[in-house]
Amino acid sequence: MKLIISIVQDVDSENLIQRLNEEGYRVTKISSTGGFLRAGNTTLLSGVNDEEYEKFMDIMESNSKTRIITKTISPVNIPGQAMIPVPVEVKVGGATIFVMNVVDFKRF
């Protein structure tokens, strides 16, 4: 068995959770915030049997797509410099996934 920790954007999470539930996977949802863009993320925890791992990962990949957005950021305040916000294109979305082997699992 594996414990899969997945970090996805909030906009992708509802469809992803629905799809995983339709396939019979249990998911625990935790709200989180990304550090760079300070955007809302969702952290998902799932226990998956070894024989179901590839199917689970296929669902994750097909429901967590990356996209490009334009984000306006303020430059660092340097004395004597103009503080003009700069639009920057940033790749967002997708999923960051950590997979850990589970030694023991109990459900009561």
Protein backbone atom coordinates (compact mmCIF):
# COMPACT_ATOMS: atom_id res chain seq x y z
CA MET A 1 0.00 0.00 0.00
CA LYS A 2 1.08 3.56 -0.66
CA LEU A 3 0.25 6.92 0.91
CA ILE A 4 -0.03 9.52 -1.85
CA ILE A 5 0.19 13.20 -0.93
CA SER A 6 -0.89 15.39 -3.86
CA ILE A 7 -0.75 19.19 -3.99
CA VAL A 8 -3.04 20.65 -6.68
CA GLN A 9 -4.51 24.07 -7.41
CA ASP A 10 -7.92 24.81 -5.91
CA VAL A 11 -9.45 25.21 -9.39
CA ASP A 12 -8.46 21.62 -10.27
CA SER A 13 -9.33 20.01 -6.94
CA GLU A 14 -13.12 19.59 -7.12
CA ASN A 15 -13.12 17.81 -10.49
CA LEU A 16 -10.16 15.69 -9.43
CA ILE A 17 -11.77 14.65 -6.13
CA GLN A 18 -15.03 13.83 -7.91
CA ARG A 19 -13.22 11.67 -10.48
CA LEU A 20 -11.22 9.84 -7.80
CA ASN A 21 -14.39 9.19 -5.78
CA GLU A 22 -16.17 7.87 -8.88
CA GLU A 23 -13.36 5.32 -9.25
CA GLY A 24 -13.71 4.28 -5.60
CA TYR A 25 -10.70 6.07 -4.10
CA ARG A 26 -10.99 7.74 -0.71
CA VAL A 27 -9.51 11.22 -0.48
CA THR A 28 -8.87 13.53 2.47
CA LYS A 29 -8.78 17.20 1.46
CA ILE A 30 -6.65 19.77 3.28
CA SER A 31 -6.62 23.46 2.32
CA SER A 32 -3.13 24.89 1.80
CA THR A 33 -1.45 27.95 0.31
CA GLY A 34 1.43 28.08 -2.15
CA GLY A 35 4.47 30.10 -1.18
CA PHE A 36 5.45 31.80 -4.44
CA LEU A 37 2.10 33.05 -5.77
CA ARG A 38 0.31 32.80 -2.41
CA ALA A 39 -2.54 31.14 -4.28
CA GLY A 40 -4.96 28.61 -2.86
CA ASN A 41 -3.93 24.99 -3.13
CA THR A 42 -5.48 21.75 -2.02
CA THR A 43 -3.46 18.95 -0.46
CA LEU A 44 -5.00 15.51 -0.99
CA LEU A 45 -4.14 12.42 1.06
CA SER A 46 -4.99 8.99 -0.36
CA GLY A 47 -4.16 5.43 0.59
CA VAL A 48 -3.82 3.30 -2.55
CA ASN A 49 -3.17 -0.42 -2.91
CA ASP A 50 -0.06 -1.25 -4.92
CA GLU A 51 -2.07 -2.84 -7.75
CA GLU A 52 -4.21 0.34 -8.09
CA TYR A 53 -1.26 2.75 -8.12
CA GLU A 54 -0.94 3.18 -11.93
CA LYS A 55 -4.69 3.74 -12.38
CA PHE A 56 -4.67 6.34 -9.59
CA MET A 57 -1.71 8.17 -11.14
CA ASP A 58 -3.41 8.17 -14.58
CA ILE A 59 -6.45 9.90 -13.03
CA MET A 60 -4.17 12.43 -11.32
CA GLU A 61 -2.35 13.21 -14.57
CA SER A 62 -5.47 13.58 -16.70
CA ASN A 63 -7.19 15.89 -14.18
CA SER A 64 -4.28 18.15 -13.15
CA LYS A 65 -3.21 20.18 -16.17
CA THR A 66 -0.74 23.06 -16.22
CA ARG A 67 -1.58 26.44 -17.73
CA ILE A 68 0.04 29.86 -18.12
CA ILE A 69 -1.37 32.87 -16.23
CA THR A 70 -0.24 36.48 -16.06
CA LYS A 71 0.46 37.63 -12.51
CA THR A 72 1.35 41.22 -11.62
CA ILE A 73 4.04 41.42 -8.98
CA SER A 74 5.52 44.43 -7.22
CA PRO A 75 9.29 44.81 -7.49
CA VAL A 76 11.54 45.01 -4.45
CA ASN A 77 11.60 48.50 -2.94
CA ILE A 78 15.02 49.96 -3.78
CA PRO A 79 15.58 53.59 -2.70
CA GLY A 80 15.55 55.90 -5.70
CA GLN A 81 13.87 53.34 -7.98
CA ALA A 82 10.34 53.58 -9.38
CA MET A 83 7.90 51.01 -7.93
CA ILE A 84 6.10 49.93 -11.12
CA PRO A 85 4.26 46.58 -10.92
CA VAL A 86 5.52 44.13 -13.52
CA PRO A 87 3.28 41.55 -15.28
CA VAL A 88 4.93 38.13 -15.38
CA GLU A 89 3.77 34.95 -17.11
CA VAL A 90 3.81 32.00 -14.71
CA LYS A 91 3.10 28.31 -15.26
CA VAL A 92 0.53 27.08 -12.70
CA GLY A 93 -1.55 23.99 -12.16
CA GLY A 94 -0.49 20.43 -12.48
CA ALA A 95 0.23 18.41 -9.37
CA THR A 96 3.13 17.88 -7.04
CA ILE A 97 2.91 14.31 -5.76
CA PHE A 98 4.77 12.51 -2.98
CA VAL A 99 4.46 8.71 -2.76
CA MET A 100 5.37 6.80 0.40
CA ASN A 101 5.27 3.11 1.13
CA VAL A 102 2.97 2.20 4.02
CA VAL A 103 4.24 -0.40 6.47
CA ASP A 104 0.96 -0.86 8.33
CA PHE A 105 -2.63 0.36 7.85
CA LYS A 106 -5.67 0.00 10.09
CA ARG A 107 -9.26 1.15 9.62
CA PHE A 108 -11.60 1.06 12.63
